[in-house]
Amino acid sequence: MPHLIIEHSEDVAGQVEITDLVDAAHEAAFSSELFPEYDIKTRAIAYQYHRMGQTRDSFVHVAVHLLDGRSDEQKTMLSEAILARIEPMLPAVASVGVEIIDIHRASYRKRVLE
């Protein structure tokens, strides 16, 4: 944990290398010192079809899913660290955002191969 899911409009790939964007978000999460690096999972999804109100403006949205229990201060620091790292890479992108989403710890399950 956490899972960083970077959703973006397809045209963003023409403005920045998506692997660089993934690396920057991943490194920002690690620099928060909230998680060991091996626990951070980061991925990106491009959207061909989208609307932003009445337009098709470009966007990048990072959803950070993490197990509940972190303080509001920790979550704020994490979202600000990620935004500060990726925003300079995206000067022509109309909307850049980060949100923290708590995963209910008591009901979270995953399979681990031994």
N, C-alpha and C. Protein backbone atom coordinates (compact mmCIF):
# COMPACT_ATOMS: atom_id res chain seq x y z
N MET A 1 0.86 -1.15 0.00
CA MET A 1 0.00 0.00 0.00
C MET A 1 0.91 1.22 0.00
N PRO A 2 0.70 2.25 -0.64
CA PRO A 2 -0.53 2.66 -1.34
C PRO A 2 -0.53 2.25 -2.81
N HIS A 3 -1.70 2.43 -3.42
CA HIS A 3 -1.84 2.31 -4.87
C HIS A 3 -2.05 3.71 -5.42
N LEU A 4 -1.17 4.15 -6.32
CA LEU A 4 -1.31 5.43 -6.99
C LEU A 4 -1.81 5.13 -8.40
N ILE A 5 -2.99 5.60 -8.71
CA ILE A 5 -3.58 5.38 -10.02
C ILE A 5 -3.67 6.74 -10.71
N ILE A 6 -2.88 6.89 -11.76
CA ILE A 6 -2.83 8.15 -12.49
C ILE A 6 -3.73 8.01 -13.71
N GLU A 7 -4.86 8.70 -13.69
CA GLU A 7 -5.75 8.74 -14.84
C GLU A 7 -5.43 10.02 -15.61
N HIS A 8 -5.42 9.92 -16.94
CA HIS A 8 -5.10 11.11 -17.72
C HIS A 8 -5.76 11.03 -19.09
N SER A 9 -6.02 12.21 -19.64
CA SER A 9 -6.52 12.25 -21.01
C SER A 9 -5.40 11.79 -21.93
N GLU A 10 -5.80 11.17 -23.01
CA GLU A 10 -4.86 10.57 -23.94
C GLU A 10 -3.81 11.57 -24.47
N ASP A 11 -4.22 12.82 -24.63
CA ASP A 11 -3.32 13.83 -25.20
C ASP A 11 -2.16 14.20 -24.29
N VAL A 12 -2.23 13.85 -23.02
CA VAL A 12 -1.15 14.16 -22.09
C VAL A 12 0.14 13.48 -22.52
N ALA A 13 0.02 12.32 -23.15
CA ALA A 13 1.21 11.58 -23.60
C ALA A 13 2.00 12.36 -24.64
N GLY A 14 1.37 13.32 -25.29
CA GLY A 14 2.08 14.18 -26.24
C GLY A 14 2.79 15.33 -25.57
N GLN A 15 2.56 15.51 -24.27
CA GLN A 15 3.15 16.62 -23.52
C GLN A 15 4.22 16.19 -22.53
N VAL A 16 4.15 14.94 -22.10
CA VAL A 16 5.11 14.43 -21.12
C VAL A 16 5.22 12.91 -21.31
N GLU A 17 6.40 12.38 -21.04
CA GLU A 17 6.54 10.92 -21.06
C GLU A 17 5.76 10.36 -19.87
N ILE A 18 4.84 9.47 -20.14
CA ILE A 18 4.01 8.93 -19.06
C ILE A 18 4.86 8.16 -18.05
N THR A 19 5.90 7.50 -18.49
CA THR A 19 6.78 6.81 -17.53
C THR A 19 7.43 7.81 -16.59
N ASP A 20 7.75 9.00 -17.07
CA ASP A 20 8.32 10.04 -16.20
C ASP A 20 7.28 10.51 -15.18
N LEU A 21 6.03 10.62 -15.62
CA LEU A 21 4.95 11.01 -14.72
C LEU A 21 4.73 9.96 -13.64
N VAL A 22 4.74 8.70 -14.03
CA VAL A 22 4.60 7.58 -13.08
C VAL A 22 5.75 7.62 -12.08
N ASP A 23 6.98 7.78 -12.59
CA ASP A 23 8.14 7.82 -11.70
C ASP A 23 8.06 9.00 -10.73
N ALA A 24 7.64 10.16 -11.20
CA ALA A 24 7.57 11.34 -10.35
C ALA A 24 6.55 11.16 -9.22
N ALA A 25 5.37 10.64 -9.55
CA ALA A 25 4.35 10.41 -8.52
C ALA A 25 4.83 9.36 -7.52
N HIS A 26 5.44 8.30 -8.03
CA HIS A 26 5.96 7.23 -7.18
C HIS A 26 7.02 7.78 -6.22
N GLU A 27 7.95 8.55 -6.76
CA GLU A 27 9.02 9.12 -5.93
C GLU A 27 8.48 10.11 -4.90
N ALA A 28 7.45 10.85 -5.26
CA ALA A 28 6.85 11.78 -4.30
C ALA A 28 6.21 11.02 -3.14
N ALA A 29 5.54 9.92 -3.45
CA ALA A 29 4.95 9.11 -2.38
C ALA A 29 6.03 8.54 -1.47
N PHE A 30 7.12 8.08 -2.06
CA PHE A 30 8.21 7.55 -1.27
C PHE A 30 8.86 8.63 -0.41
N SER A 31 9.04 9.82 -0.97
CA SER A 31 9.68 10.91 -0.22
C SER A 31 8.84 11.40 0.95
N SER A 32 7.56 11.03 0.98
CA SER A 32 6.70 11.41 2.10
C SER A 32 7.12 10.70 3.38
N GLU A 33 7.90 9.62 3.24
CA GLU A 33 8.35 8.80 4.35
C GLU A 33 7.21 8.10 5.10
N LEU A 34 6.07 7.97 4.43
CA LEU A 34 4.94 7.26 5.02
C LEU A 34 4.95 5.77 4.70
N PHE A 35 5.72 5.38 3.65
CA PHE A 35 5.70 4.01 3.17
C PHE A 35 7.10 3.58 2.73
N PRO A 36 7.43 2.31 2.89
CA PRO A 36 8.65 1.81 2.25
C PRO A 36 8.40 1.75 0.74
N GLU A 37 9.45 1.93 -0.04
CA GLU A 37 9.25 1.99 -1.49
C GLU A 37 8.65 0.72 -2.06
N TYR A 38 9.00 -0.44 -1.52
CA TYR A 38 8.48 -1.69 -2.07
C TYR A 38 6.97 -1.83 -1.89
N ASP A 39 6.36 -1.04 -1.03
CA ASP A 39 4.91 -1.08 -0.83
C ASP A 39 4.14 -0.19 -1.80
N ILE A 40 4.81 0.72 -2.48
CA ILE A 40 4.14 1.69 -3.35
C ILE A 40 3.92 1.07 -4.73
N LYS A 41 2.68 1.09 -5.18
CA LYS A 41 2.32 0.57 -6.51
C LYS A 41 1.75 1.73 -7.32
N THR A 42 2.36 2.02 -8.47
CA THR A 42 1.96 3.17 -9.26
C THR A 42 1.69 2.74 -10.70
N ARG A 43 0.58 3.22 -11.25
CA ARG A 43 0.22 2.88 -12.62
C ARG A 43 -0.55 4.03 -13.25
N ALA A 44 -0.62 4.01 -14.58
CA ALA A 44 -1.30 5.08 -15.31
C ALA A 44 -2.29 4.49 -16.30
N ILE A 45 -3.39 5.20 -16.47
CA ILE A 45 -4.46 4.80 -17.39
C ILE A 45 -4.80 6.01 -18.26
N ALA A 46 -4.74 5.83 -19.57
CA ALA A 46 -5.10 6.90 -20.51
C ALA A 46 -6.57 6.75 -20.92
N TYR A 47 -7.24 7.88 -21.06
CA TYR A 47 -8.63 7.89 -21.50
C TYR A 47 -8.74 8.57 -22.85
N GLN A 48 -9.28 7.85 -23.81
CA GLN A 48 -9.53 8.42 -25.12
C GLN A 48 -10.80 9.26 -25.09
N TYR A 49 -11.79 8.79 -24.37
CA TYR A 49 -13.09 9.46 -24.32
C TYR A 49 -13.29 10.06 -22.94
N HIS A 50 -13.53 11.36 -22.91
CA HIS A 50 -13.77 12.05 -21.64
C HIS A 50 -14.41 13.40 -21.91
N ARG A 51 -14.99 13.99 -20.89
CA ARG A 51 -15.50 15.36 -20.95
C ARG A 51 -15.13 16.06 -19.68
N MET A 52 -14.81 17.32 -19.80
CA MET A 52 -14.52 18.18 -18.65
C MET A 52 -15.53 19.31 -18.72
N GLY A 53 -16.68 19.13 -18.08
CA GLY A 53 -17.74 20.12 -18.21
C GLY A 53 -18.23 20.14 -19.64
N GLN A 54 -18.03 21.27 -20.32
CA GLN A 54 -18.46 21.40 -21.71
C GLN A 54 -17.31 21.24 -22.70
N THR A 55 -16.15 20.82 -22.21
CA THR A 55 -14.98 20.74 -23.08
C THR A 55 -14.37 19.34 -23.04
N ARG A 56 -13.34 19.17 -23.81
CA ARG A 56 -12.52 17.96 -23.76
C ARG A 56 -11.11 18.35 -23.35
N ASP A 57 -10.99 19.26 -22.39
CA ASP A 57 -9.69 19.72 -21.92
C ASP A 57 -8.88 18.55 -21.37
N SER A 58 -7.58 18.73 -21.40
CA SER A 58 -6.68 17.70 -20.87
C SER A 58 -6.77 17.64 -19.35
N PHE A 59 -6.46 16.46 -18.81
CA PHE A 59 -6.47 16.31 -17.35
C PHE A 59 -5.50 15.24 -16.91
N VAL A 60 -5.07 15.37 -15.67
CA VAL A 60 -4.35 14.33 -14.94
C VAL A 60 -4.95 14.29 -13.56
N HIS A 61 -5.34 13.11 -13.12
CA HIS A 61 -5.91 12.95 -11.78
C HIS A 61 -5.23 11.75 -11.13
N VAL A 62 -4.63 11.98 -9.96
CA VAL A 62 -3.96 10.90 -9.23
C VAL A 62 -4.84 10.52 -8.04
N ALA A 63 -5.32 9.29 -8.03
CA ALA A 63 -6.07 8.75 -6.90
C ALA A 63 -5.11 7.88 -6.09
N VAL A 64 -4.96 8.22 -4.83
CA VAL A 64 -4.06 7.48 -3.95
C VAL A 64 -4.92 6.67 -2.99
N HIS A 65 -4.92 5.37 -3.18
CA HIS A 65 -5.69 4.47 -2.33
C HIS A 65 -4.75 3.95 -1.25
N LEU A 66 -5.12 4.17 0.01
CA LEU A 66 -4.29 3.65 1.10
C LEU A 66 -5.15 3.19 2.25
N LEU A 67 -4.61 2.26 3.01
CA LEU A 67 -5.35 1.73 4.16
C LEU A 67 -5.66 2.85 5.14
N ASP A 68 -6.86 2.83 5.67
CA ASP A 68 -7.28 3.88 6.60
C ASP A 68 -6.40 3.89 7.85
N GLY A 69 -6.44 5.01 8.55
CA GLY A 69 -5.65 5.13 9.77
C GLY A 69 -4.66 6.27 9.74
N ARG A 70 -4.39 6.84 8.56
CA ARG A 70 -3.48 7.99 8.49
C ARG A 70 -4.21 9.25 8.93
N SER A 71 -3.49 10.17 9.51
CA SER A 71 -4.10 11.43 9.97
C SER A 71 -4.40 12.33 8.77
N ASP A 72 -5.27 13.31 8.98
CA ASP A 72 -5.55 14.29 7.94
C ASP A 72 -4.29 15.03 7.54
N GLU A 73 -3.42 15.31 8.49
CA GLU A 73 -2.17 16.00 8.20
C GLU A 73 -1.28 15.16 7.29
N GLN A 74 -1.19 13.87 7.55
CA GLN A 74 -0.38 12.99 6.71
C GLN A 74 -0.95 12.91 5.29
N LYS A 75 -2.27 12.81 5.20
CA LYS A 75 -2.90 12.73 3.88
C LYS A 75 -2.72 14.04 3.11
N THR A 76 -2.84 15.16 3.79
CA THR A 76 -2.64 16.45 3.15
C THR A 76 -1.21 16.58 2.67
N MET A 77 -0.26 16.22 3.50
CA MET A 77 1.15 16.29 3.13
C MET A 77 1.44 15.41 1.92
N LEU A 78 0.86 14.22 1.88
CA LEU A 78 1.06 13.30 0.77
C LEU A 78 0.49 13.86 -0.53
N SER A 79 -0.74 14.35 -0.49
CA SER A 79 -1.34 14.88 -1.72
C SER A 79 -0.59 16.12 -2.20
N GLU A 80 -0.16 16.97 -1.28
CA GLU A 80 0.61 18.16 -1.67
C GLU A 80 1.97 17.78 -2.24
N ALA A 81 2.61 16.76 -1.70
CA ALA A 81 3.91 16.32 -2.21
C ALA A 81 3.79 15.78 -3.63
N ILE A 82 2.75 15.00 -3.87
CA ILE A 82 2.56 14.44 -5.22
C ILE A 82 2.23 15.56 -6.21
N LEU A 83 1.33 16.45 -5.83
CA LEU A 83 0.96 17.55 -6.72
C LEU A 83 2.17 18.44 -7.02
N ALA A 84 2.96 18.75 -6.00
CA ALA A 84 4.14 19.59 -6.20
C ALA A 84 5.14 18.95 -7.14
N ARG A 85 5.21 17.62 -7.15
CA ARG A 85 6.17 16.92 -8.00
C ARG A 85 5.69 16.82 -9.45
N ILE A 86 4.37 16.62 -9.66
CA ILE A 86 3.90 16.40 -11.03
C ILE A 86 3.44 17.68 -11.73
N GLU A 87 2.96 18.65 -10.99
CA GLU A 87 2.41 19.86 -11.61
C GLU A 87 3.40 20.57 -12.53
N PRO A 88 4.66 20.74 -12.16
CA PRO A 88 5.60 21.41 -13.07
C PRO A 88 5.83 20.66 -14.38
N MET A 89 5.55 19.37 -14.39
CA MET A 89 5.72 18.57 -15.60
C MET A 89 4.58 18.77 -16.59
N LEU A 90 3.50 19.42 -16.14
CA LEU A 90 2.25 19.46 -16.89
C LEU A 90 1.75 20.89 -17.11
N PRO A 91 2.59 21.81 -17.60
CA PRO A 91 2.18 23.21 -17.68
C PRO A 91 0.99 23.48 -18.60
N ALA A 92 0.76 22.65 -19.61
CA ALA A 92 -0.33 22.89 -20.55
C ALA A 92 -1.58 22.05 -20.24
N VAL A 93 -1.55 21.25 -19.18
CA VAL A 93 -2.69 20.41 -18.83
C VAL A 93 -3.69 21.26 -18.05
N ALA A 94 -4.94 21.25 -18.49
CA ALA A 94 -5.96 22.13 -17.92
C ALA A 94 -6.29 21.82 -16.46
N SER A 95 -6.34 20.54 -16.11
CA SER A 95 -6.73 20.16 -14.75
C SER A 95 -5.78 19.10 -14.22
N VAL A 96 -5.15 19.39 -13.09
CA VAL A 96 -4.24 18.45 -12.44
C VAL A 96 -4.68 18.33 -10.99
N GLY A 97 -5.00 17.11 -10.55
CA GLY A 97 -5.48 16.94 -9.19
C GLY A 97 -4.98 15.66 -8.55
N VAL A 98 -5.05 15.65 -7.22
CA VAL A 98 -4.67 14.48 -6.42
C VAL A 98 -5.73 14.30 -5.35
N GLU A 99 -6.16 13.08 -5.13
CA GLU A 99 -7.08 12.79 -4.03
C GLU A 99 -6.60 11.58 -3.26
N ILE A 100 -6.88 11.58 -1.98
CA ILE A 100 -6.54 10.46 -1.11
C ILE A 100 -7.83 9.70 -0.80
N ILE A 101 -7.79 8.40 -1.00
CA ILE A 101 -8.97 7.57 -0.78
C ILE A 101 -8.62 6.50 0.24
N ASP A 102 -9.34 6.50 1.35
CA ASP A 102 -9.11 5.50 2.39
C ASP A 102 -9.71 4.16 1.98
N ILE A 103 -8.94 3.10 2.19
CA ILE A 103 -9.43 1.74 2.01
C ILE A 103 -9.78 1.21 3.40
N HIS A 104 -10.96 0.66 3.53
CA HIS A 104 -11.42 0.12 4.81
C HIS A 104 -10.54 -1.07 5.20
N ARG A 105 -9.72 -0.87 6.20
CA ARG A 105 -8.72 -1.86 6.61
C ARG A 105 -9.34 -3.20 6.99
N ALA A 106 -10.45 -3.18 7.71
CA ALA A 106 -11.05 -4.42 8.21
C ALA A 106 -11.57 -5.31 7.08
N SER A 107 -11.92 -4.72 5.94
CA SER A 107 -12.48 -5.53 4.87
C SER A 107 -11.52 -5.72 3.69
N TYR A 108 -10.37 -5.09 3.72
CA TYR A 108 -9.40 -5.22 2.61
C TYR A 108 -8.79 -6.61 2.59
N ARG A 109 -8.76 -7.20 1.43
CA ARG A 109 -8.16 -8.53 1.24
C ARG A 109 -7.33 -8.52 -0.02
N LYS A 110 -6.28 -9.31 -0.04
CA LYS A 110 -5.51 -9.50 -1.25
C LYS A 110 -4.81 -10.85 -1.19
N ARG A 111 -4.52 -11.37 -2.35
CA ARG A 111 -3.80 -12.63 -2.46
C ARG A 111 -2.33 -12.31 -2.57
N VAL A 112 -1.50 -13.07 -1.87
CA VAL A 112 -0.06 -12.92 -1.94
C VAL A 112 0.52 -14.27 -2.30
N LEU A 113 1.29 -14.31 -3.36
CA LEU A 113 1.98 -15.55 -3.71
C LEU A 113 3.23 -15.69 -2.87
N GLU A 114 3.42 -16.83 -2.33
CA GLU A 114 4.60 -17.08 -1.48
C GLU A 114 5.72 -17.63 -2.31
